[in-house]
Amino acid sequence: IIIIIIIIIIIIMLRVSQRFQCIKFLRRLGLFCRSSCLPLLSLTRTPRGGHCEWMAACCDPFFEYCERSVWIVGMLCFFLVLFGISIVVYTFYTYMVPFLYKTESGPMFSFYFIYGHYLLINISFHYMKGVYTDPGRVPKFTSNKLTEKQVKLGWKMCYKCDSPKPPRAHHCRICGRCVLKMDHHCPWMFNCVGQYNHRHFMLFVIYMCLGTAYVVHCSWTRVVVHMYMYRGYLKSIVDTIGLNGGLERAKSLPLSSQTNEGFLVVIVFFVCFGVTLALLVLGGWNVYLVTRAETAIEFYTNQRDKRDYKKQGKKFTNPYNNGARRNCALFLGINQRRSFIRHVLFPSTHPPIEDGMYWQRCDGASNNNGHTTV
């Protein structure tokens, strides 16, 4: 009778746990405990661990569960970019190409047509490569302790993975892994920006800025005429610059208010104008970082190190800064066998020169471990 009662109790408990998903709850509780203890445990094996690292480790479980939901926002941003590009391309082909064909000369229209497709090809290529290219994985190591050689080369312990990571690698909570030369996690690309897709991200921003500026240039006269903005200060500026001819051509073919033509062209104009301004700031900031051989994360960590060195009476120098020209060449993957015209101005799938594990340093320290970089 006791055995039968025990069996019945076990069956009831299994039914209750299945009904209220207790097993799943216990499994999640175990993962939460592991994610809470692992950062603190890994910091005990980290040669350099200040109060900031310990505070981050204590708050890490909360940050993890918040940032893991960011992938939903990233997926929405990814489809929003595709939708926006599709609307702009549809509007341009439907309403702006016929206008340019009727108002511009043959050579000028050919230039507009070829240049627009050149930008569209580069935008599409670099965006898709940025989305689908793995930014760079840190290999798994059998030992979770740093060797003396790794410490000298600037390796550290990832307090999240509890594993060694090379210089310039950082852990992405959204992706759940360490990324080589991580710059940031880009929701618009639905991917991390790291060693192997940083170039595609940068060129996408540049070509996207040129593309939106191109759309603004081709449509501004029709928008000004359609919205009766050709008056006051704008009229005096246009008359001074000498752009009356474009406005006269726009007056001969005004936007139609009876169809979606006027609405779409005006909306696309203002959206592209805003995106151009935003990308000018973003692109300028990224070009500045590239010339200094820094990622967005390293910019802030280097600023912190500068303050620490200044308090000690020392001068901090970025060990990876080889000069603006050399930094740009390394970033774009240009060497004696690759040219700027073929591998930058046109789509190219060539890999970076450095492998993300070992880096060329300007301070004379050996950081190539036998690897040679050209």
Protein backbone atom coordinates (compact mmCIF):
# COMPACT_ATOMS: atom_id res chain seq x y z
CA ILE A 1 0.00 0.00 0.00
CA ILE A 2 2.85 2.39 0.84
CA ILE A 3 4.50 1.71 -2.53
CA ILE A 4 1.22 2.36 -4.35
CA ILE A 5 0.74 5.63 -2.42
CA ILE A 6 4.29 6.72 -3.29
CA ILE A 7 3.72 5.93 -6.97
CA ILE A 8 0.46 7.90 -6.94
CA ILE A 9 2.18 10.87 -5.27
CA ILE A 10 4.97 10.77 -7.88
CA ILE A 11 2.44 10.65 -10.73
CA ILE A 12 0.51 13.58 -9.22
CA MET A 13 3.72 15.60 -8.79
CA LEU A 14 4.75 14.91 -12.39
CA ARG A 15 1.32 15.96 -13.61
CA VAL A 16 1.43 19.14 -11.54
CA SER A 17 4.96 19.97 -12.66
CA GLN A 18 3.97 19.35 -16.28
CA ARG A 19 0.88 21.52 -15.88
CA PHE A 20 2.69 24.45 -14.31
CA GLN A 21 5.96 23.89 -16.23
CA CYS A 22 7.98 23.43 -13.03
CA ILE A 23 10.75 21.57 -14.83
CA LYS A 24 11.25 24.46 -17.22
CA PHE A 25 11.24 26.85 -14.27
CA LEU A 26 13.89 24.83 -12.44
CA ARG A 27 15.98 24.67 -15.60
CA ARG A 28 15.79 28.45 -16.01
CA LEU A 29 16.60 28.90 -12.33
CA GLY A 30 19.71 26.77 -12.79
CA LEU A 31 20.81 28.80 -15.82
CA PHE A 32 20.22 32.00 -13.86
CA CYS A 33 22.37 30.74 -10.96
CA ARG A 34 25.10 29.68 -13.37
CA SER A 35 25.06 33.03 -15.18
CA SER A 36 25.22 34.77 -11.80
CA CYS A 37 28.15 32.80 -10.44
CA LEU A 38 30.23 32.42 -13.62
CA PRO A 39 31.20 36.12 -13.98
CA LEU A 40 32.27 36.33 -10.33
CA LEU A 41 34.22 33.07 -10.63
CA SER A 42 35.98 34.21 -13.80
CA LEU A 43 37.05 37.48 -12.19
CA THR A 44 39.01 35.53 -9.62
CA ARG A 45 41.13 34.24 -12.51
CA THR A 46 41.52 37.63 -14.21
CA PRO A 47 44.88 39.34 -13.68
CA ARG A 48 43.30 42.80 -13.84
CA GLY A 49 39.97 43.28 -12.11
CA GLY A 50 38.93 46.65 -10.68
CA HIS A 51 35.78 47.75 -8.88
CA CYS A 52 34.08 48.49 -12.22
CA GLU A 53 34.59 44.89 -13.39
CA TRP A 54 33.23 43.51 -10.11
CA MET A 55 30.17 45.78 -10.22
CA ALA A 56 29.52 44.78 -13.83
CA ALA A 57 29.80 41.11 -12.88
CA CYS A 58 27.28 41.50 -10.05
CA CYS A 59 24.77 43.30 -12.29
CA ASP A 60 25.44 41.06 -15.28
CA PRO A 61 22.43 38.70 -14.89
CA PHE A 62 20.03 41.66 -14.99
CA PHE A 63 21.77 43.15 -18.03
CA GLU A 64 21.79 39.79 -19.78
CA TYR A 65 18.06 39.18 -19.58
CA CYS A 66 17.33 42.76 -20.66
CA GLU A 67 19.73 42.78 -23.60
CA ARG A 68 18.79 39.33 -24.89
CA SER A 69 15.40 40.84 -25.83
CA VAL A 70 17.15 43.41 -28.06
CA TRP A 71 17.27 40.84 -30.89
CA ILE A 72 13.55 41.49 -31.41
CA VAL A 73 14.30 45.18 -31.97
CA GLY A 74 17.16 44.20 -34.29
CA MET A 75 14.90 42.02 -36.39
CA LEU A 76 12.40 44.89 -36.72
CA CYS A 77 15.21 47.30 -37.67
CA PHE A 78 16.50 44.85 -40.29
CA PHE A 79 13.11 44.63 -42.01
CA LEU A 80 12.66 48.40 -41.64
CA VAL A 81 15.90 49.02 -43.56
CA LEU A 82 14.83 46.64 -46.34
CA PHE A 83 11.40 48.25 -46.50
CA GLY A 84 12.85 51.77 -46.58
CA ILE A 85 15.33 50.96 -49.35
CA SER A 86 12.57 49.28 -51.36
CA ILE A 87 10.25 52.31 -51.06
CA VAL A 88 13.02 54.71 -52.09
CA VAL A 89 14.00 52.56 -55.09
CA TYR A 90 10.36 52.16 -56.17
CA THR A 91 9.68 55.90 -55.90
CA PHE A 92 12.85 56.81 -57.76
CA TYR A 93 12.22 54.39 -60.63
CA THR A 94 8.54 55.23 -60.91
CA TYR A 95 8.55 59.02 -60.59
CA MET A 96 12.09 60.41 -60.75
CA VAL A 97 13.66 58.46 -63.63
CA PRO A 98 10.95 59.58 -66.13
CA PHE A 99 11.39 63.17 -64.90
CA LEU A 100 15.16 63.06 -65.39
CA TYR A 101 14.73 61.43 -68.80
CA LYS A 102 12.46 64.24 -70.00
CA THR A 103 14.32 67.19 -68.48
CA GLU A 104 18.03 66.26 -68.69
CA SER A 105 20.27 65.92 -71.71
CA GLY A 106 21.32 62.50 -72.96
CA PRO A 107 24.84 62.44 -71.42
CA MET A 108 23.59 63.89 -68.13
CA PHE A 109 20.75 61.39 -67.87
CA SER A 110 23.19 58.55 -68.61
CA PHE A 111 25.45 59.78 -65.80
CA TYR A 112 22.53 59.96 -63.34
CA PHE A 113 21.32 56.50 -64.37
CA ILE A 114 24.74 54.78 -64.14
CA TYR A 115 25.77 56.55 -60.93
CA GLY A 116 22.47 55.70 -59.23
CA HIS A 117 22.83 52.00 -60.07
CA TYR A 118 26.47 52.05 -58.96
CA LEU A 119 25.39 53.33 -55.54
CA LEU A 120 22.48 50.86 -55.32
CA ILE A 121 24.75 47.89 -56.07
CA ASN A 122 27.29 48.94 -53.43
CA ILE A 123 24.61 49.65 -50.82
CA SER A 124 22.93 46.27 -51.35
CA PHE A 125 26.22 44.36 -51.46
CA HIS A 126 27.79 45.82 -48.31
CA TYR A 127 24.55 45.68 -46.34
CA MET A 128 24.00 41.99 -47.07
CA LYS A 129 27.66 41.19 -46.40
CA GLY A 130 27.48 43.09 -43.12
CA VAL A 131 24.37 41.16 -42.10
CA TYR A 132 25.44 37.65 -43.12
CA THR A 133 29.21 37.79 -42.46
CA ASP A 134 30.29 36.39 -39.12
CA PRO A 135 32.09 39.23 -37.29
CA GLY A 136 34.69 36.84 -35.89
CA ARG A 137 34.53 34.08 -33.29
CA VAL A 138 37.04 33.60 -30.51
CA PRO A 139 38.12 29.93 -30.55
CA LYS A 140 37.45 27.73 -27.55
CA PHE A 141 40.44 26.90 -25.36
CA THR A 142 40.96 23.77 -23.31
CA SER A 143 42.34 25.78 -20.39
CA ASN A 144 40.45 28.62 -18.74
CA LYS A 145 43.60 30.23 -17.37
CA LEU A 146 45.88 32.76 -19.00
CA THR A 147 49.47 31.85 -19.71
CA GLU A 148 52.34 34.24 -19.09
CA LYS A 149 52.79 34.74 -22.83
CA GLN A 150 49.12 35.63 -23.28
CA VAL A 151 49.30 38.14 -20.43
CA LYS A 152 52.33 39.81 -22.04
CA LEU A 153 50.47 40.01 -25.37
CA GLY A 154 47.49 41.71 -23.74
CA TRP A 155 45.12 38.75 -23.51
CA LYS A 156 42.44 38.87 -20.82
CA MET A 157 39.80 36.63 -19.33
CA CYS A 158 36.23 37.10 -20.47
CA TYR A 159 34.25 37.20 -17.24
CA LYS A 160 31.15 36.09 -19.15
CA CYS A 161 32.55 33.15 -21.13
CA ASP A 162 35.12 32.32 -18.44
CA SER A 163 37.63 31.83 -21.24
CA PRO A 164 40.73 33.66 -22.56
CA LYS A 165 40.12 36.29 -25.22
CA PRO A 166 42.68 38.04 -27.47
CA PRO A 167 43.36 41.78 -27.46
CA ARG A 168 40.54 43.98 -28.84
CA ALA A 169 37.97 41.18 -28.45
CA HIS A 170 34.86 41.86 -26.35
CA HIS A 171 31.83 39.94 -25.20
CA CYS A 172 28.47 40.74 -26.80
CA ARG A 173 25.60 39.99 -24.45
CA ILE A 174 23.08 40.06 -27.30
CA CYS A 175 24.98 37.49 -29.39
CA GLY A 176 26.05 35.60 -26.27
CA ARG A 177 29.71 35.21 -27.27
CA CYS A 178 33.02 37.04 -27.63
CA VAL A 179 33.60 38.89 -30.91
CA LEU A 180 37.00 39.65 -32.44
CA LYS A 181 37.69 43.41 -32.55
CA MET A 182 34.12 44.18 -31.59
CA ASP A 183 32.98 47.70 -32.46
CA HIS A 184 29.33 47.50 -31.41
CA HIS A 185 26.17 45.46 -31.91
CA CYS A 186 24.28 47.10 -34.77
CA PRO A 187 20.48 46.59 -34.60
CA TRP A 188 20.10 47.92 -38.17
CA MET A 189 22.31 45.08 -39.42
CA PHE A 190 20.92 42.56 -36.94
CA ASN A 191 24.51 41.53 -36.28
CA CYS A 192 27.63 42.45 -34.38
CA VAL A 193 30.19 44.67 -36.11
CA GLY A 194 33.58 43.05 -35.69
CA GLN A 195 36.81 42.13 -37.41
CA TYR A 196 35.35 40.46 -40.52
CA ASN A 197 32.38 42.74 -41.30
CA HIS A 198 33.55 46.11 -39.97
CA ARG A 199 34.69 47.16 -43.44
CA HIS A 200 31.31 46.28 -44.93
CA PHE A 201 29.52 48.27 -42.22
CA MET A 202 31.70 51.30 -42.82
CA LEU A 203 31.33 51.22 -46.60
CA PHE A 204 27.58 50.66 -46.27
CA VAL A 205 27.31 53.84 -44.17
CA ILE A 206 29.36 55.82 -46.73
CA TYR A 207 27.51 54.56 -49.80
CA MET A 208 24.15 54.90 -48.05
CA CYS A 209 24.96 58.53 -47.26
CA LEU A 210 25.93 59.14 -50.89
CA GLY A 211 22.77 57.37 -52.06
CA THR A 212 20.36 59.37 -49.90
CA ALA A 213 22.16 62.60 -50.86
CA TYR A 214 21.78 61.58 -54.51
CA VAL A 215 18.01 61.12 -54.07
CA VAL A 216 17.76 64.51 -52.33
CA HIS A 217 19.67 66.16 -55.17
CA CYS A 218 17.45 64.64 -57.85
CA SER A 219 14.14 65.45 -56.14
CA TRP A 220 14.56 68.76 -54.32
CA THR A 221 13.39 70.97 -57.21
CA ARG A 222 10.13 69.05 -57.63
CA VAL A 223 9.49 69.13 -53.87
CA VAL A 224 10.15 72.88 -53.67
CA VAL A 225 7.75 73.57 -56.53
CA HIS A 226 5.13 71.15 -55.21
CA MET A 227 5.10 72.67 -51.72
CA TYR A 228 5.21 76.29 -52.95
CA MET A 229 8.49 76.85 -51.14
CA TYR A 230 10.07 78.90 -53.94
CA ARG A 231 9.71 82.23 -52.16
CA GLY A 232 11.31 84.37 -49.47
CA TYR A 233 14.82 83.47 -48.37
CA LEU A 234 14.85 80.22 -50.34
CA LYS A 235 14.04 82.10 -53.56
CA SER A 236 16.83 84.61 -52.96
CA ILE A 237 19.34 81.84 -52.24
CA VAL A 238 18.35 79.86 -55.33
CA ASP A 239 18.51 82.96 -57.52
CA THR A 240 21.93 83.85 -56.11
CA ILE A 241 23.37 80.37 -56.71
CA GLY A 242 21.83 80.21 -60.17
CA LEU A 243 19.61 77.13 -59.89
CA ASN A 244 16.60 78.68 -61.55
CA GLY A 245 16.86 76.35 -64.52
CA GLY A 246 16.16 73.27 -62.43
CA LEU A 247 13.11 74.88 -60.86
CA GLU A 248 11.78 75.90 -64.26
CA ARG A 249 12.09 72.32 -65.48
CA ALA A 250 10.31 71.13 -62.33
CA LYS A 251 7.49 73.59 -62.99
CA SER A 252 7.02 72.11 -66.46
CA LEU A 253 6.45 68.64 -64.92
CA PRO A 254 4.90 69.22 -61.49
CA LEU A 255 4.08 66.43 -59.07
CA SER A 256 0.54 65.13 -59.31
CA SER A 257 -1.70 65.57 -56.27
CA GLN A 258 -4.32 63.21 -57.71
CA THR A 259 -2.11 60.12 -57.27
CA ASN A 260 0.48 58.96 -54.77
CA GLU A 261 3.26 60.67 -56.73
CA GLY A 262 3.35 63.90 -54.75
CA PHE A 263 3.00 62.15 -51.38
CA LEU A 264 5.70 59.54 -52.03
CA VAL A 265 8.25 61.94 -53.52
CA VAL A 266 7.85 64.45 -50.68
CA ILE A 267 8.06 61.76 -47.98
CA VAL A 268 11.10 60.13 -49.61
CA PHE A 269 12.78 63.53 -49.94
CA PHE A 270 12.46 64.44 -46.26
CA VAL A 271 13.34 60.94 -45.06
CA CYS A 272 16.47 60.85 -47.23
CA PHE A 273 17.40 64.36 -46.12
CA GLY A 274 17.23 63.34 -42.46
CA VAL A 275 19.08 60.07 -43.07
CA THR A 276 21.82 61.95 -44.95
CA LEU A 277 22.43 64.26 -41.99
CA ALA A 278 22.45 61.35 -39.54
CA LEU A 279 24.83 59.28 -41.68
CA LEU A 280 27.16 62.27 -42.13
CA VAL A 281 27.59 62.38 -38.36
CA LEU A 282 27.86 58.59 -38.00
CA GLY A 283 30.19 58.22 -40.98
CA GLY A 284 32.42 61.09 -39.84
CA TRP A 285 32.68 59.57 -36.37
CA ASN A 286 33.61 56.15 -37.77
CA VAL A 287 36.19 57.61 -40.17
CA TYR A 288 37.74 59.44 -37.22
CA LEU A 289 37.96 56.18 -35.25
CA VAL A 290 39.44 54.30 -38.23
CA THR A 291 42.22 56.88 -38.65
CA ARG A 292 43.06 56.40 -34.95
CA ALA A 293 42.88 52.57 -35.14
CA GLU A 294 40.16 52.46 -32.50
CA THR A 295 36.77 50.84 -32.23
CA ALA A 296 33.84 52.53 -30.50
CA ILE A 297 34.53 50.45 -27.38
CA GLU A 298 38.26 51.12 -27.45
CA PHE A 299 37.67 54.86 -27.71
CA TYR A 300 36.11 54.90 -24.23
CA THR A 301 38.53 52.37 -22.72
CA ASN A 302 41.49 54.35 -24.08
CA GLN A 303 40.06 57.53 -22.59
CA ARG A 304 39.89 55.77 -19.23
CA ASP A 305 43.46 54.51 -19.61
CA LYS A 306 44.63 58.03 -20.51
CA ARG A 307 43.21 59.34 -17.25
CA ASP A 308 44.84 56.51 -15.28
CA TYR A 309 48.22 57.09 -16.95
CA LYS A 310 47.95 60.84 -16.39
CA LYS A 311 47.43 60.31 -12.65
CA GLN A 312 50.63 58.21 -12.63
CA GLY A 313 52.55 60.88 -14.54
CA LYS A 314 52.81 58.74 -17.67
CA LYS A 315 51.67 59.22 -21.28
CA PHE A 316 49.29 56.72 -22.84
CA THR A 317 49.84 55.64 -26.46
CA ASN A 318 47.49 53.47 -28.46
CA PRO A 319 49.69 50.47 -29.38
CA TYR A 320 47.67 49.73 -32.52
CA ASN A 321 47.89 53.23 -34.03
CA ASN A 322 50.28 52.98 -37.00
CA GLY A 323 49.41 56.36 -38.49
CA ALA A 324 46.23 57.46 -40.27
CA ARG A 325 47.26 56.22 -43.73
CA ARG A 326 48.46 52.82 -42.53
CA ASN A 327 45.42 52.44 -40.28
CA CYS A 328 43.07 53.03 -43.21
CA ALA A 329 44.99 50.57 -45.39
CA LEU A 330 44.82 47.87 -42.72
CA PHE A 331 41.13 48.55 -42.11
CA LEU A 332 40.21 48.39 -45.82
CA GLY A 333 42.46 45.36 -46.43
CA ILE A 334 44.66 47.11 -48.99
CA ASN A 335 48.19 45.87 -49.63
CA GLN A 336 50.52 45.44 -52.59
CA ARG A 337 48.18 42.90 -54.20
CA ARG A 338 44.98 44.90 -53.63
CA SER A 339 44.08 48.33 -55.01
CA PHE A 340 41.77 51.02 -53.70
CA ILE A 341 39.82 51.21 -56.96
CA ARG A 342 39.14 47.49 -57.32
CA HIS A 343 38.64 46.51 -53.68
CA VAL A 344 36.99 49.62 -52.20
CA LEU A 345 35.21 51.53 -54.96
CA PHE A 346 33.73 48.27 -56.26
CA PRO A 347 32.21 45.34 -54.32
CA SER A 348 34.85 42.94 -53.02
CA THR A 349 34.76 39.97 -50.64
CA HIS A 350 38.46 40.01 -49.73
CA PRO A 351 39.23 39.20 -46.07
CA PRO A 352 41.05 41.58 -43.72
CA ILE A 353 44.83 41.53 -43.58
CA GLU A 354 44.97 40.76 -39.85
CA ASP A 355 43.27 37.70 -38.41
CA GLY A 356 41.84 39.34 -35.27
CA MET A 357 43.95 37.22 -32.91
CA TYR A 358 47.29 39.00 -33.32
CA TRP A 359 47.84 42.62 -34.30
CA GLN A 360 50.51 44.87 -35.72
CA ARG A 361 51.72 47.12 -32.90
CA CYS A 362 53.56 50.40 -33.11
CA ASP A 363 55.23 50.11 -29.70
CA GLY A 364 57.71 47.46 -30.78
CA ALA A 365 56.12 44.71 -28.72
CA SER A 366 55.94 41.27 -30.28
CA ASN A 367 52.31 40.43 -30.80
CA ASN A 368 52.30 38.22 -33.87
CA ASN A 369 53.27 34.88 -32.31
CA GLY A 370 55.02 33.90 -35.50
CA HIS A 371 52.27 35.23 -37.76
CA THR A 372 53.29 37.50 -40.59
CA THR A 373 51.08 40.28 -41.85
CA VAL A 374 51.57 42.18 -45.07
